Protein backbone atom coordinates (compact mmCIF):
# COMPACT_ATOMS: atom_id res chain seq x y z
CA UNK A 1 0.00 0.00 0.00
CA UNK A 2 1.06 3.54 -0.63
CA UNK A 3 1.15 5.69 2.46
CA UNK A 4 0.52 9.38 2.07
CA UNK A 5 2.49 11.92 4.05
CA UNK A 6 0.82 13.77 6.87
CA UNK A 7 1.36 17.39 7.82
CA UNK A 8 4.14 16.51 10.29
CA UNK A 9 6.10 14.51 7.74
CA UNK A 10 5.69 17.22 5.11
CA UNK A 11 6.86 19.90 7.53
CA UNK A 12 9.95 17.92 8.48
CA UNK A 13 10.71 17.18 4.82
CA UNK A 14 10.27 20.84 3.88
CA UNK A 15 12.60 21.98 6.67
CA UNK A 16 15.20 19.34 5.75
CA UNK A 17 15.22 20.56 2.14
CA UNK A 18 14.56 24.28 2.52
CA UNK A 19 17.08 25.16 5.25
CA UNK A 20 20.15 23.79 3.38
CA UNK A 21 18.99 25.38 0.12
CA UNK A 22 18.62 28.77 1.82
CA UNK A 23 22.06 28.38 3.39
CA UNK A 24 23.64 27.57 0.01
CA UNK A 25 21.95 30.52 -1.69
CA UNK A 26 23.17 32.87 1.03
CA UNK A 27 26.67 31.40 0.79
CA UNK A 28 26.81 31.88 -2.97
CA UNK A 29 25.61 35.48 -2.84
CA UNK A 30 28.22 36.73 -0.35
CA UNK A 31 31.99 36.99 -0.03
CA UNK A 32 34.00 35.58 2.85
CA UNK A 33 37.57 35.91 4.11
CA UNK A 34 40.04 33.24 2.99
CA UNK A 35 38.67 29.72 2.61
CA UNK A 36 35.69 30.27 4.89
CA UNK A 37 33.23 30.04 1.99
CA UNK A 38 34.60 26.67 0.86
CA UNK A 39 34.54 25.29 4.37
CA UNK A 40 30.94 26.39 4.94
CA UNK A 41 29.82 24.95 1.59
CA UNK A 42 31.35 21.57 2.44
CA UNK A 43 29.84 21.66 5.92
CA UNK A 44 26.35 22.40 4.58
CA UNK A 45 26.62 19.72 1.89
CA UNK A 46 27.86 16.93 4.16
CA UNK A 47 25.90 17.68 7.34
CA UNK A 48 22.71 19.21 5.89
CA UNK A 49 20.54 20.49 8.75
CA UNK A 50 23.24 20.74 11.42
CA UNK A 51 25.68 22.46 9.06
CA UNK A 52 22.99 24.83 7.83
CA UNK A 53 21.93 25.79 11.33
CA UNK A 54 25.55 26.33 12.34
CA UNK A 55 26.02 28.51 9.27
CA UNK A 56 23.03 30.68 10.17
CA UNK A 57 24.19 30.96 13.80
CA UNK A 58 27.95 31.39 13.27
CA UNK A 59 28.83 31.67 9.59
CA UNK A 60 26.80 34.70 8.60
CA UNK A 61 28.90 36.82 10.97
CA UNK A 62 32.01 36.01 8.89
CA UNK A 63 30.83 37.85 5.76
CA UNK A 64 33.12 40.34 4.09
CA UNK A 65 31.29 43.60 3.39
CA UNK A 66 33.74 45.41 1.09
C-alpha atoms as a PDB file:
ATOM      1  CA  UNK A   1       0.000   0.000   0.000  1.00  0.00           C
ATOM      2  CA  UNK A   2       1.060   3.536  -0.630  1.00  0.00           C
ATOM      3  CA  UNK A   3       1.154   5.694   2.465  1.00  0.00           C
ATOM      4  CA  UNK A   4       0.518   9.380   2.072  1.00  0.00           C
ATOM      5  CA  UNK A   5       2.495  11.922   4.052  1.00  0.00           C
ATOM      6  CA  UNK A   6       0.824  13.767   6.873  1.00  0.00           C
ATOM      7  CA  UNK A   7       1.362  17.395   7.824  1.00  0.00           C
ATOM      8  CA  UNK A   8       4.141  16.509  10.292  1.00  0.00           C
ATOM      9  CA  UNK A   9       6.104  14.514   7.741  1.00  0.00           C
ATOM     10  CA  UNK A  10       5.686  17.219   5.106  1.00  0.00           C
ATOM     11  CA  UNK A  11       6.860  19.904   7.527  1.00  0.00           C
ATOM     12  CA  UNK A  12       9.950  17.918   8.479  1.00  0.00           C
ATOM     13  CA  UNK A  13      10.708  17.184   4.824  1.00  0.00           C
ATOM     14  CA  UNK A  14      10.273  20.838   3.880  1.00  0.00           C
ATOM     15  CA  UNK A  15      12.603  21.978   6.667  1.00  0.00           C
ATOM     16  CA  UNK A  16      15.202  19.344   5.747  1.00  0.00           C
ATOM     17  CA  UNK A  17      15.220  20.563   2.142  1.00  0.00           C
ATOM     18  CA  UNK A  18      14.563  24.283   2.515  1.00  0.00           C
ATOM     19  CA  UNK A  19      17.084  25.159   5.247  1.00  0.00           C
ATOM     20  CA  UNK A  20      20.153  23.785   3.382  1.00  0.00           C
ATOM     21  CA  UNK A  21      18.990  25.383   0.122  1.00  0.00           C
ATOM     22  CA  UNK A  22      18.621  28.775   1.823  1.00  0.00           C
ATOM     23  CA  UNK A  23      22.063  28.379   3.392  1.00  0.00           C
ATOM     24  CA  UNK A  24      23.637  27.565   0.014  1.00  0.00           C
ATOM     25  CA  UNK A  25      21.946  30.517  -1.688  1.00  0.00           C
ATOM     26  CA  UNK A  26      23.168  32.873   1.034  1.00  0.00           C
ATOM     27  CA  UNK A  27      26.670  31.396   0.790  1.00  0.00           C
ATOM     28  CA  UNK A  28      26.807  31.875  -2.965  1.00  0.00           C
ATOM     29  CA  UNK A  29      25.608  35.484  -2.840  1.00  0.00           C
ATOM     30  CA  UNK A  30      28.222  36.732  -0.349  1.00  0.00           C
ATOM     31  CA  UNK A  31      31.990  36.993  -0.033  1.00  0.00           C
ATOM     32  CA  UNK A  32      34.003  35.584   2.854  1.00  0.00           C
ATOM     33  CA  UNK A  33      37.571  35.910   4.115  1.00  0.00           C
ATOM     34  CA  UNK A  34      40.039  33.243   2.990  1.00  0.00           C
ATOM     35  CA  UNK A  35      38.670  29.724   2.610  1.00  0.00           C
ATOM     36  CA  UNK A  36      35.685  30.271   4.889  1.00  0.00           C
ATOM     37  CA  UNK A  37      33.227  30.039   1.995  1.00  0.00           C
ATOM     38  CA  UNK A  38      34.599  26.674   0.860  1.00  0.00           C
ATOM     39  CA  UNK A  39      34.535  25.286   4.374  1.00  0.00           C
ATOM     40  CA  UNK A  40      30.941  26.395   4.940  1.00  0.00           C
ATOM     41  CA  UNK A  41      29.816  24.952   1.594  1.00  0.00           C
ATOM     42  CA  UNK A  42      31.353  21.571   2.444  1.00  0.00           C
ATOM     43  CA  UNK A  43      29.840  21.658   5.920  1.00  0.00           C
ATOM     44  CA  UNK A  44      26.348  22.404   4.585  1.00  0.00           C
ATOM     45  CA  UNK A  45      26.623  19.720   1.886  1.00  0.00           C
ATOM     46  CA  UNK A  46      27.856  16.930   4.155  1.00  0.00           C
ATOM     47  CA  UNK A  47      25.904  17.683   7.344  1.00  0.00           C
ATOM     48  CA  UNK A  48      22.712  19.213   5.889  1.00  0.00           C
ATOM     49  CA  UNK A  49      20.544  20.488   8.754  1.00  0.00           C
ATOM     50  CA  UNK A  50      23.236  20.738  11.425  1.00  0.00           C
ATOM     51  CA  UNK A  51      25.677  22.456   9.059  1.00  0.00           C
ATOM     52  CA  UNK A  52      22.989  24.831   7.829  1.00  0.00           C
ATOM     53  CA  UNK A  53      21.928  25.791  11.330  1.00  0.00           C
ATOM     54  CA  UNK A  54      25.553  26.327  12.342  1.00  0.00           C
ATOM     55  CA  UNK A  55      26.018  28.505   9.268  1.00  0.00           C
ATOM     56  CA  UNK A  56      23.030  30.683  10.171  1.00  0.00           C
ATOM     57  CA  UNK A  57      24.188  30.960  13.801  1.00  0.00           C
ATOM     58  CA  UNK A  58      27.951  31.388  13.270  1.00  0.00           C
ATOM     59  CA  UNK A  59      28.826  31.674   9.586  1.00  0.00           C
ATOM     60  CA  UNK A  60      26.800  34.703   8.595  1.00  0.00           C
ATOM     61  CA  UNK A  61      28.900  36.817  10.966  1.00  0.00           C
ATOM     62  CA  UNK A  62      32.006  36.011   8.888  1.00  0.00           C
ATOM     63  CA  UNK A  63      30.832  37.849   5.756  1.00  0.00           C
ATOM     64  CA  UNK A  64      33.115  40.340   4.085  1.00  0.00           C
ATOM     65  CA  UNK A  65      31.291  43.604   3.391  1.00  0.00           C
ATOM     66  CA  UNK A  66      33.740  45.414   1.087  1.00  0.00           C
END
